[in-house]
C-alpha cells in the first residue's frame, strides 16, 4: 500500500531546509501540531503523518500483530522516512511517540539524526525506585475502563490529561480526538503505550536529544523527565512553564521556542 495513503503523510514548509518529522501521541493525529507547523515552516521542511489506527490513516492497514507493540509504530516512522528519502531528520515525538522515536532512531540511524521528546515517559508504572506516576492497579483500571466504555473513558480522561481546567476547550479538543479514534484500534495502542517499558532503550540513544517536560503533568511527572534526561547521555532538559501533558496545545509559544532553539544549535 502507498505509504502516503497508509499514514496520511503531509509534507509542508521549506523543501530546501532540514527536515523535522512531527509524531503525535496516543489518541491524537497530526492536527495536534497545527500550532507548531507555522513556527517551523519557513526554515524547515515539516513532515506530518497519522499512525495507522489514528486520524485519516488507512484503517485496512491495521493489524493487532504489528501494532500491539511500540516497535510496529516505530516501523511506520522508519518506512515514512525511507519512502521520503530522509537523512538526519529531527524527530519530534509527543508522549509515547518520544519512545517510538527512540526505537525508530535505533532502527534507522541514517534517517533520524536528532530527537525532541515532548512530555516523554519510558514507563508509566512505578517500579522500585522509579516513579512513573501510576501503580499497576491504576493502569489496570485505566485499561479496563477504556475497553469497557471508550467514549466514557475519553470524556473523563481527556480533561485530566490536558490539564488547564480554566481552558475547557483544550480538554474538549482532546476528547474529540480520542472519540474520533476507532475503539478497537485505540485499545491496542493503549495497551502498547501504558504497558510499555522503554527504560533500557534510552541508554542506547546516540543522537542529540532535547527532553521537554511540563512543570505540572499528571501523566509524566517531573521525576520522569529527570530520569529520561539522565538516561540519555548528553541530552538537554528544558522544563516548560506549562500545565498538562500537551504543551504544544496549551503552551505553544514556549514549546515552539524551545524546539527552535534546539534546532538552531544543531545547525
C-alpha atoms as a PDB file:
ATOM      1  CA  UNK A   1       0.000   0.000   0.000  1.00  0.00           C
ATOM      2  CA  UNK A   2       1.203   3.511  -0.793  1.00  0.00           C
ATOM      3  CA  UNK A   3       2.681   4.872   2.427  1.00  0.00           C
ATOM      4  CA  UNK A   4       1.312   8.378   1.836  1.00  0.00           C
ATOM      5  CA  UNK A   5      -2.186   6.931   1.858  1.00  0.00           C
ATOM      6  CA  UNK A   6      -1.495   4.442   4.642  1.00  0.00           C
ATOM      7  CA  UNK A   7      -0.220   7.073   7.074  1.00  0.00           C
ATOM      8  CA  UNK A   8      -1.837  10.183   5.548  1.00  0.00           C
ATOM      9  CA  UNK A   9       1.600  11.751   5.142  1.00  0.00           C
ATOM     10  CA  UNK A  10       1.773  15.525   4.673  1.00  0.00           C
ATOM     11  CA  UNK A  11       4.937  17.407   3.657  1.00  0.00           C
ATOM     12  CA  UNK A  12       4.985  21.173   4.042  1.00  0.00           C
ATOM     13  CA  UNK A  13       7.343  24.030   4.831  1.00  0.00           C
ATOM     14  CA  UNK A  14      10.700  24.807   3.195  1.00  0.00           C
ATOM     15  CA  UNK A  15      11.639  21.989   0.795  1.00  0.00           C
ATOM     16  CA  UNK A  16      15.280  23.127   0.882  1.00  0.00           C
ATOM     17  CA  UNK A  17      15.623  23.195   4.662  1.00  0.00           C
ATOM     18  CA  UNK A  18      16.463  20.481   7.190  1.00  0.00           C
ATOM     19  CA  UNK A  19      13.595  18.089   7.841  1.00  0.00           C
ATOM     20  CA  UNK A  20      11.558  17.898  11.040  1.00  0.00           C
ATOM     21  CA  UNK A  21       9.150  14.982  11.477  1.00  0.00           C
ATOM     22  CA  UNK A  22       6.282  15.576  13.919  1.00  0.00           C
ATOM     23  CA  UNK A  23       4.879  12.427  15.559  1.00  0.00           C
ATOM     24  CA  UNK A  24       1.627  12.609  17.536  1.00  0.00           C
ATOM     25  CA  UNK A  25       0.722  10.781  20.742  1.00  0.00           C
ATOM     26  CA  UNK A  26      -1.934   8.231  21.681  1.00  0.00           C
ATOM     27  CA  UNK A  27      -5.475   9.119  20.611  1.00  0.00           C
ATOM     28  CA  UNK A  28      -4.299  12.087  18.571  1.00  0.00           C
ATOM     29  CA  UNK A  29      -3.421  12.860  14.954  1.00  0.00           C
ATOM     30  CA  UNK A  30      -1.248  15.274  13.004  1.00  0.00           C
ATOM     31  CA  UNK A  31      -3.721  18.139  13.518  1.00  0.00           C
ATOM     32  CA  UNK A  32      -2.440  18.402  17.088  1.00  0.00           C
ATOM     33  CA  UNK A  33       0.719  20.022  15.655  1.00  0.00           C
ATOM     34  CA  UNK A  34      -1.120  22.821  13.873  1.00  0.00           C
ATOM     35  CA  UNK A  35       0.337  25.497  16.191  1.00  0.00           C
ATOM     36  CA  UNK A  36       3.866  24.149  15.763  1.00  0.00           C
ATOM     37  CA  UNK A  37       3.986  23.908  11.969  1.00  0.00           C
ATOM     38  CA  UNK A  38       3.851  27.689  11.296  1.00  0.00           C
ATOM     39  CA  UNK A  39       6.766  28.237  13.677  1.00  0.00           C
ATOM     40  CA  UNK A  40       8.952  25.810  11.710  1.00  0.00           C
ATOM     41  CA  UNK A  41       7.709  26.017   8.140  1.00  0.00           C
ATOM     42  CA  UNK A  42       9.763  28.978   6.958  1.00  0.00           C
ATOM     43  CA  UNK A  43      13.118  27.395   7.732  1.00  0.00           C
ATOM     44  CA  UNK A  44      12.391  23.664   7.849  1.00  0.00           C
ATOM     45  CA  UNK A  45      10.678  21.031   5.774  1.00  0.00           C
ATOM     46  CA  UNK A  46       7.969  19.613   8.031  1.00  0.00           C
ATOM     47  CA  UNK A  47       6.634  16.069   7.728  1.00  0.00           C
ATOM     48  CA  UNK A  48       3.387  15.099   9.449  1.00  0.00           C
ATOM     49  CA  UNK A  49       1.551  11.786   9.490  1.00  0.00           C
ATOM     50  CA  UNK A  50      -1.076   9.731  11.308  1.00  0.00           C
ATOM     51  CA  UNK A  51      -0.212   6.368  12.805  1.00  0.00           C
ATOM     52  CA  UNK A  52      -2.276   3.521  11.388  1.00  0.00           C
ATOM     53  CA  UNK A  53      -5.423   3.485  13.509  1.00  0.00           C
ATOM     54  CA  UNK A  54      -5.356   7.259  14.046  1.00  0.00           C
ATOM     55  CA  UNK A  55      -6.610  10.312  12.181  1.00  0.00           C
ATOM     56  CA  UNK A  56      -7.066   9.837   8.449  1.00  0.00           C
ATOM     57  CA  UNK A  57      -4.744   6.846   8.120  1.00  0.00           C
ATOM     58  CA  UNK A  58      -5.885   3.788   6.185  1.00  0.00           C
ATOM     59  CA  UNK A  59      -7.830   1.533   8.609  1.00  0.00           C
ATOM     60  CA  UNK A  60      -7.363  -1.549   6.444  1.00  0.00           C
ATOM     61  CA  UNK A  61      -3.605  -1.401   7.133  1.00  0.00           C
ATOM     62  CA  UNK A  62      -4.169  -2.023  10.839  1.00  0.00           C
ATOM     63  CA  UNK A  63      -3.167  -5.325  12.374  1.00  0.00           C
ATOM     64  CA  UNK A  64      -3.008  -6.143  16.059  1.00  0.00           C
ATOM     65  CA  UNK A  65       0.090  -8.232  15.427  1.00  0.00           C
ATOM     66  CA  UNK A  66       2.041  -5.235  14.162  1.00  0.00           C
ATOM     67  CA  UNK A  67       0.584  -2.518  16.325  1.00  0.00           C
ATOM     68  CA  UNK A  68       0.425  -4.437  19.578  1.00  0.00           C
ATOM     69  CA  UNK A  69       3.877  -3.105  20.484  1.00  0.00           C
ATOM     70  CA  UNK A  70       5.654   0.211  20.056  1.00  0.00           C
ATOM     71  CA  UNK A  71       8.015  -1.392  17.544  1.00  0.00           C
ATOM     72  CA  UNK A  72       5.180  -1.519  14.993  1.00  0.00           C
ATOM     73  CA  UNK A  73       4.635   2.216  15.240  1.00  0.00           C
ATOM     74  CA  UNK A  74       8.390   2.771  15.008  1.00  0.00           C
ATOM     75  CA  UNK A  75       8.363   0.796  11.766  1.00  0.00           C
ATOM     76  CA  UNK A  76       5.761   3.257  10.454  1.00  0.00           C
ATOM     77  CA  UNK A  77       8.164   6.115  11.206  1.00  0.00           C
ATOM     78  CA  UNK A  78      11.103   4.342   9.593  1.00  0.00           C
ATOM     79  CA  UNK A  79       9.139   3.447   6.460  1.00  0.00           C
ATOM     80  CA  UNK A  80       7.907   7.032   6.091  1.00  0.00           C
ATOM     81  CA  UNK A  81      11.480   8.333   6.388  1.00  0.00           C
ATOM     82  CA  UNK A  82      12.713   5.785   3.850  1.00  0.00           C
ATOM     83  CA  UNK A  83       9.891   6.496   1.404  1.00  0.00           C
ATOM     84  CA  UNK A  84      10.691  10.225   1.530  1.00  0.00           C
ATOM     85  CA  UNK A  85      14.440   9.645   1.338  1.00  0.00           C
ATOM     86  CA  UNK A  86      15.069  11.466   4.603  1.00  0.00           C
ATOM     87  CA  UNK A  87      18.528  11.641   6.144  1.00  0.00           C
ATOM     88  CA  UNK A  88      19.390  13.119   9.540  1.00  0.00           C
ATOM     89  CA  UNK A  89      15.819  14.264  10.136  1.00  0.00           C
ATOM     90  CA  UNK A  90      14.835  15.584  13.547  1.00  0.00           C
ATOM     91  CA  UNK A  91      12.007  13.532  15.023  1.00  0.00           C
ATOM     92  CA  UNK A  92       9.757  15.457  17.424  1.00  0.00           C
ATOM     93  CA  UNK A  93       7.678  12.921  19.358  1.00  0.00           C
ATOM     94  CA  UNK A  94       4.883  13.752  21.759  1.00  0.00           C
ATOM     95  CA  UNK A  95       4.247  11.468  24.746  1.00  0.00           C
ATOM     96  CA  UNK A  96       4.513   7.823  23.657  1.00  0.00           C
ATOM     97  CA  UNK A  97       5.976   8.967  20.336  1.00  0.00           C
ATOM     98  CA  UNK A  98       9.084  10.069  22.205  1.00  0.00           C
ATOM     99  CA  UNK A  99       9.802   6.396  22.930  1.00  0.00           C
ATOM    100  CA  UNK A 100       8.657   5.367  19.450  1.00  0.00           C
ATOM    101  CA  UNK A 101      11.239   7.853  18.192  1.00  0.00           C
ATOM    102  CA  UNK A 102      13.940   6.195  20.288  1.00  0.00           C
ATOM    103  CA  UNK A 103      13.126   2.859  18.669  1.00  0.00           C
ATOM    104  CA  UNK A 104      12.959   4.363  15.182  1.00  0.00           C
ATOM    105  CA  UNK A 105      16.330   6.078  15.591  1.00  0.00           C
ATOM    106  CA  UNK A 106      17.832   2.726  16.551  1.00  0.00           C
ATOM    107  CA  UNK A 107      16.232   1.000  13.537  1.00  0.00           C
ATOM    108  CA  UNK A 108      17.251   3.683  11.033  1.00  0.00           C
ATOM    109  CA  UNK A 109      20.168   5.777  12.336  1.00  0.00           C
ATOM    110  CA  UNK A 110      20.805   7.153   8.848  1.00  0.00           C
ATOM    111  CA  UNK A 111      17.274   8.612   8.709  1.00  0.00           C
ATOM    112  CA  UNK A 112      16.975  10.170  12.169  1.00  0.00           C
ATOM    113  CA  UNK A 113      19.740  12.450  13.360  1.00  0.00           C
ATOM    114  CA  UNK A 114      18.200  14.036  16.463  1.00  0.00           C
ATOM    115  CA  UNK A 115      15.264  13.632  18.827  1.00  0.00           C
ATOM    116  CA  UNK A 116      12.925  16.043  20.589  1.00  0.00           C
ATOM    117  CA  UNK A 117      10.906  14.321  23.299  1.00  0.00           C
ATOM    118  CA  UNK A 118       7.796  16.269  24.319  1.00  0.00           C
ATOM    119  CA  UNK A 119       6.413  15.073  27.678  1.00  0.00           C
ATOM    120  CA  UNK A 120       8.073  11.653  27.356  1.00  0.00           C
ATOM    121  CA  UNK A 121       7.602   8.640  29.592  1.00  0.00           C
ATOM    122  CA  UNK A 122       9.579   5.416  29.160  1.00  0.00           C
ATOM    123  CA  UNK A 123       7.356   3.601  31.679  1.00  0.00           C
ATOM    124  CA  UNK A 124       4.075   4.731  33.196  1.00  0.00           C
ATOM    125  CA  UNK A 125       4.013   2.229  36.061  1.00  0.00           C
ATOM    126  CA  UNK A 126       6.029   2.793  39.243  1.00  0.00           C
ATOM    127  CA  UNK A 127       8.832   0.269  39.735  1.00  0.00           C
ATOM    128  CA  UNK A 128      11.092   0.039  42.801  1.00  0.00           C
ATOM    129  CA  UNK A 129      12.944   3.385  42.852  1.00  0.00           C
ATOM    130  CA  UNK A 130      11.393   4.545  39.595  1.00  0.00           C
ATOM    131  CA  UNK A 131       8.314   6.771  39.696  1.00  0.00           C
ATOM    132  CA  UNK A 132       6.273   6.592  36.525  1.00  0.00           C
ATOM    133  CA  UNK A 133       3.215   8.190  38.095  1.00  0.00           C
ATOM    134  CA  UNK A 134       0.870   5.173  38.223  1.00  0.00           C
ATOM    135  CA  UNK A 135       0.547   1.940  40.147  1.00  0.00           C
ATOM    136  CA  UNK A 136      -0.106  -1.345  38.368  1.00  0.00           C
ATOM    137  CA  UNK A 137      -3.657  -1.164  39.710  1.00  0.00           C
ATOM    138  CA  UNK A 138      -4.082   2.343  38.278  1.00  0.00           C
ATOM    139  CA  UNK A 139      -3.120   1.193  34.792  1.00  0.00           C
ATOM    140  CA  UNK A 140      -5.232  -1.956  35.024  1.00  0.00           C
ATOM    141  CA  UNK A 141      -8.251   0.190  35.933  1.00  0.00           C
ATOM    142  CA  UNK A 142      -7.478   2.692  33.192  1.00  0.00           C
ATOM    143  CA  UNK A 143      -7.297  -0.023  30.534  1.00  0.00           C
ATOM    144  CA  UNK A 144     -10.394  -1.807  31.836  1.00  0.00           C
ATOM    145  CA  UNK A 145     -12.365   1.448  31.735  1.00  0.00           C
ATOM    146  CA  UNK A 146     -11.085   2.248  28.237  1.00  0.00           C
ATOM    147  CA  UNK A 147     -12.029  -1.192  26.942  1.00  0.00           C
ATOM    148  CA  UNK A 148     -15.486  -1.312  28.517  1.00  0.00           C
ATOM    149  CA  UNK A 149     -16.615   2.238  27.639  1.00  0.00           C
ATOM    150  CA  UNK A 150     -14.192   4.028  25.346  1.00  0.00           C
ATOM    151  CA  UNK A 151     -16.329   7.123  24.805  1.00  0.00           C
ATOM    152  CA  UNK A 152     -16.948   7.477  28.537  1.00  0.00           C
ATOM    153  CA  UNK A 153     -13.251   6.988  29.240  1.00  0.00           C
ATOM    154  CA  UNK A 154     -12.392   9.651  26.671  1.00  0.00           C
ATOM    155  CA  UNK A 155     -14.780  12.168  28.207  1.00  0.00           C
ATOM    156  CA  UNK A 156     -13.423  11.540  31.699  1.00  0.00           C
ATOM    157  CA  UNK A 157      -9.699  11.295  30.913  1.00  0.00           C
ATOM    158  CA  UNK A 158      -9.164  13.966  28.270  1.00  0.00           C
ATOM    159  CA  UNK A 159      -9.520  16.913  30.699  1.00  0.00           C
ATOM    160  CA  UNK A 160      -7.225  15.162  33.197  1.00  0.00           C
ATOM    161  CA  UNK A 161      -4.544  14.544  30.584  1.00  0.00           C
ATOM    162  CA  UNK A 162      -4.814  18.036  29.129  1.00  0.00           C
ATOM    163  CA  UNK A 163      -4.921  19.857  32.465  1.00  0.00           C
ATOM    164  CA  UNK A 164      -5.712  23.577  32.254  1.00  0.00           C
ATOM    165  CA  UNK A 165      -9.162  23.270  33.799  1.00  0.00           C
ATOM    166  CA  UNK A 166      -9.617  27.013  33.259  1.00  0.00           C
ATOM    167  CA  UNK A 167      -9.447  26.391  29.491  1.00  0.00           C
ATOM    168  CA  UNK A 168     -12.016  23.615  28.974  1.00  0.00           C
ATOM    169  CA  UNK A 169     -11.857  23.974  25.205  1.00  0.00           C
ATOM    170  CA  UNK A 170      -8.445  22.263  25.308  1.00  0.00           C
ATOM    171  CA  UNK A 171      -9.845  19.234  27.094  1.00  0.00           C
ATOM    172  CA  UNK A 172     -12.767  19.185  24.682  1.00  0.00           C
ATOM    173  CA  UNK A 173     -10.402  19.092  21.713  1.00  0.00           C
ATOM    174  CA  UNK A 174      -8.505  16.136  23.126  1.00  0.00           C
ATOM    175  CA  UNK A 175     -11.769  14.363  23.973  1.00  0.00           C
ATOM    176  CA  UNK A 176     -12.987  14.842  20.414  1.00  0.00           C
ATOM    177  CA  UNK A 177      -9.710  13.490  19.086  1.00  0.00           C
ATOM    178  CA  UNK A 178      -9.978  10.421  21.308  1.00  0.00           C
ATOM    179  CA  UNK A 179     -13.582   9.872  20.279  1.00  0.00           C
ATOM    180  CA  UNK A 180     -12.695  10.032  16.587  1.00  0.00           C
ATOM    181  CA  UNK A 181     -10.377   7.046  17.011  1.00  0.00           C
ATOM    182  CA  UNK A 182     -11.706   3.548  16.397  1.00  0.00           C
ATOM    183  CA  UNK A 183     -12.187   1.981  19.866  1.00  0.00           C
ATOM    184  CA  UNK A 184     -10.719  -1.399  18.902  1.00  0.00           C
ATOM    185  CA  UNK A 185      -7.604   0.186  17.431  1.00  0.00           C
ATOM    186  CA  UNK A 186      -7.345   2.564  20.390  1.00  0.00           C
ATOM    187  CA  UNK A 187      -7.446  -0.412  22.758  1.00  0.00           C
ATOM    188  CA  UNK A 188      -4.418  -1.960  21.045  1.00  0.00           C
ATOM    189  CA  UNK A 189      -2.472   1.324  21.019  1.00  0.00           C
ATOM    190  CA  UNK A 190      -3.393   1.983  24.670  1.00  0.00           C
ATOM    191  CA  UNK A 191      -2.029  -1.369  25.797  1.00  0.00           C
ATOM    192  CA  UNK A 192       1.137  -0.866  23.756  1.00  0.00           C
ATOM    193  CA  UNK A 193       1.518   2.575  25.350  1.00  0.00           C
ATOM    194  CA  UNK A 194       0.630   2.155  29.006  1.00  0.00           C
ATOM    195  CA  UNK A 195       2.195  -1.280  29.476  1.00  0.00           C
ATOM    196  CA  UNK A 196       5.455  -0.396  27.722  1.00  0.00           C
ATOM    197  CA  UNK A 197       8.855  -0.207  29.382  1.00  0.00           C
ATOM    198  CA  UNK A 198      11.444   1.579  27.257  1.00  0.00           C
ATOM    199  CA  UNK A 199      13.865   2.496  30.025  1.00  0.00           C
ATOM    200  CA  UNK A 200      16.695   0.305  28.753  1.00  0.00           C
ATOM    201  CA  UNK A 201      16.273   1.680  25.230  1.00  0.00           C
ATOM    202  CA  UNK A 202      17.190   5.166  26.436  1.00  0.00           C
ATOM    203  CA  UNK A 203      20.745   4.068  27.192  1.00  0.00           C
ATOM    204  CA  UNK A 204      21.339   3.391  23.505  1.00  0.00           C
ATOM    205  CA  UNK A 205      20.280   6.814  22.195  1.00  0.00           C
ATOM    206  CA  UNK A 206      23.282   8.175  20.321  1.00  0.00           C
ATOM    207  CA  UNK A 207      21.867  11.329  18.725  1.00  0.00           C
ATOM    208  CA  UNK A 208      21.414  14.872  20.094  1.00  0.00           C
ATOM    209  CA  UNK A 209      18.279  14.875  22.216  1.00  0.00           C
ATOM    210  CA  UNK A 210      16.054  17.536  23.752  1.00  0.00           C
ATOM    211  CA  UNK A 211      13.762  16.489  26.602  1.00  0.00           C
ATOM    212  CA  UNK A 212      10.812  18.852  27.087  1.00  0.00           C
ATOM    213  CA  UNK A 213       8.853  18.374  30.294  1.00  0.00           C
ATOM    214  CA  UNK A 214       5.998  20.405  31.742  1.00  0.00           C
ATOM    215  CA  UNK A 215       6.118  21.980  35.183  1.00  0.00           C
ATOM    216  CA  UNK A 216       2.875  20.170  36.087  1.00  0.00           C
ATOM    217  CA  UNK A 217       1.948  16.961  34.259  1.00  0.00           C
ATOM    218  CA  UNK A 218      -0.071  14.155  35.859  1.00  0.00           C
ATOM    219  CA  UNK A 219       0.845  11.709  33.061  1.00  0.00           C
ATOM    220  CA  UNK A 220       4.608  12.338  33.064  1.00  0.00           C
ATOM    221  CA  UNK A 221       5.703  13.834  36.413  1.00  0.00           C
ATOM    222  CA  UNK A 222       8.912  15.831  36.756  1.00  0.00           C
ATOM    223  CA  UNK A 223      10.729  12.770  38.070  1.00  0.00           C
ATOM    224  CA  UNK A 224      10.175  11.124  34.692  1.00  0.00           C
ATOM    225  CA  UNK A 225      11.760  13.988  32.789  1.00  0.00           C
ATOM    226  CA  UNK A 226      14.775  13.842  35.080  1.00  0.00           C
ATOM    227  CA  UNK A 227      15.046  10.095  34.562  1.00  0.00           C
ATOM    228  CA  UNK A 228      14.944  10.417  30.771  1.00  0.00           C
ATOM    229  CA  UNK A 229      17.482  13.237  30.808  1.00  0.00           C
ATOM    230  CA  UNK A 230      19.900  11.293  32.994  1.00  0.00           C
ATOM    231  CA  UNK A 231      19.459   8.110  30.952  1.00  0.00           C
ATOM    232  CA  UNK A 232      20.148   9.758  27.576  1.00  0.00           C
ATOM    233  CA  UNK A 233      23.790  10.737  27.512  1.00  0.00           C
ATOM    234  CA  UNK A 234      24.348  14.372  26.584  1.00  0.00           C
ATOM    235  CA  UNK A 235      20.659  15.255  26.408  1.00  0.00           C
ATOM    236  CA  UNK A 236      19.260  18.684  27.208  1.00  0.00           C
ATOM    237  CA  UNK A 237      16.360  19.016  29.667  1.00  0.00           C
ATOM    238  CA  UNK A 238      14.015  22.004  29.458  1.00  0.00           C
ATOM    239  CA  UNK A 239      11.133  22.484  31.887  1.00  0.00           C
ATOM    240  CA  UNK A 240       8.327  24.414  30.256  1.00  0.00           C
ATOM    241  CA  UNK A 241       6.183  26.773  32.308  1.00  0.00           C
ATOM    242  CA  UNK A 242       3.193  24.720  31.265  1.00  0.00           C
ATOM    243  CA  UNK A 243       0.471  22.599  32.815  1.00  0.00           C
ATOM    244  CA  UNK A 244      -0.812  19.326  31.414  1.00  0.00           C
ATOM    245  CA  UNK A 245       0.517  16.697  29.050  1.00  0.00           C
ATOM    246  CA  UNK A 246       0.096  18.547  25.723  1.00  0.00           C
ATOM    247  CA  UNK A 247       2.221  21.716  25.845  1.00  0.00           C
ATOM    248  CA  UNK A 248       2.178  22.073  22.041  1.00  0.00           C
ATOM    249  CA  UNK A 249      -1.528  22.916  22.513  1.00  0.00           C
ATOM    250  CA  UNK A 250      -1.607  24.545  25.935  1.00  0.00           C
ATOM    251  CA  UNK A 251       1.671  26.498  25.713  1.00  0.00           C
ATOM    252  CA  UNK A 252       2.605  26.523  22.018  1.00  0.00           C
ATOM    253  CA  UNK A 253       4.811  29.623  22.125  1.00  0.00           C
ATOM    254  CA  UNK A 254       7.097  28.232  24.837  1.00  0.00           C
ATOM    255  CA  UNK A 255       7.135  24.796  23.232  1.00  0.00           C
ATOM    256  CA  UNK A 256       7.941  26.125  19.773  1.00  0.00           C
ATOM    257  CA  UNK A 257      10.673  28.384  21.115  1.00  0.00           C
ATOM    258  CA  UNK A 258      12.387  25.512  22.915  1.00  0.00           C
ATOM    259  CA  UNK A 259      12.239  23.355  19.789  1.00  0.00           C
ATOM    260  CA  UNK A 260      13.593  26.145  17.574  1.00  0.00           C
ATOM    261  CA  UNK A 261      16.467  26.870  19.948  1.00  0.00           C
ATOM    262  CA  UNK A 262      17.436  23.204  19.872  1.00  0.00           C
ATOM    263  CA  UNK A 263      17.214  23.081  16.076  1.00  0.00           C
ATOM    264  CA  UNK A 264      19.345  26.219  15.782  1.00  0.00           C
ATOM    265  CA  UNK A 265      22.106  24.582  17.823  1.00  0.00           C
ATOM    266  CA  UNK A 266      22.015  21.553  15.515  1.00  0.00           C
ATOM    267  CA  UNK A 267      22.647  23.917  12.588  1.00  0.00           C
END
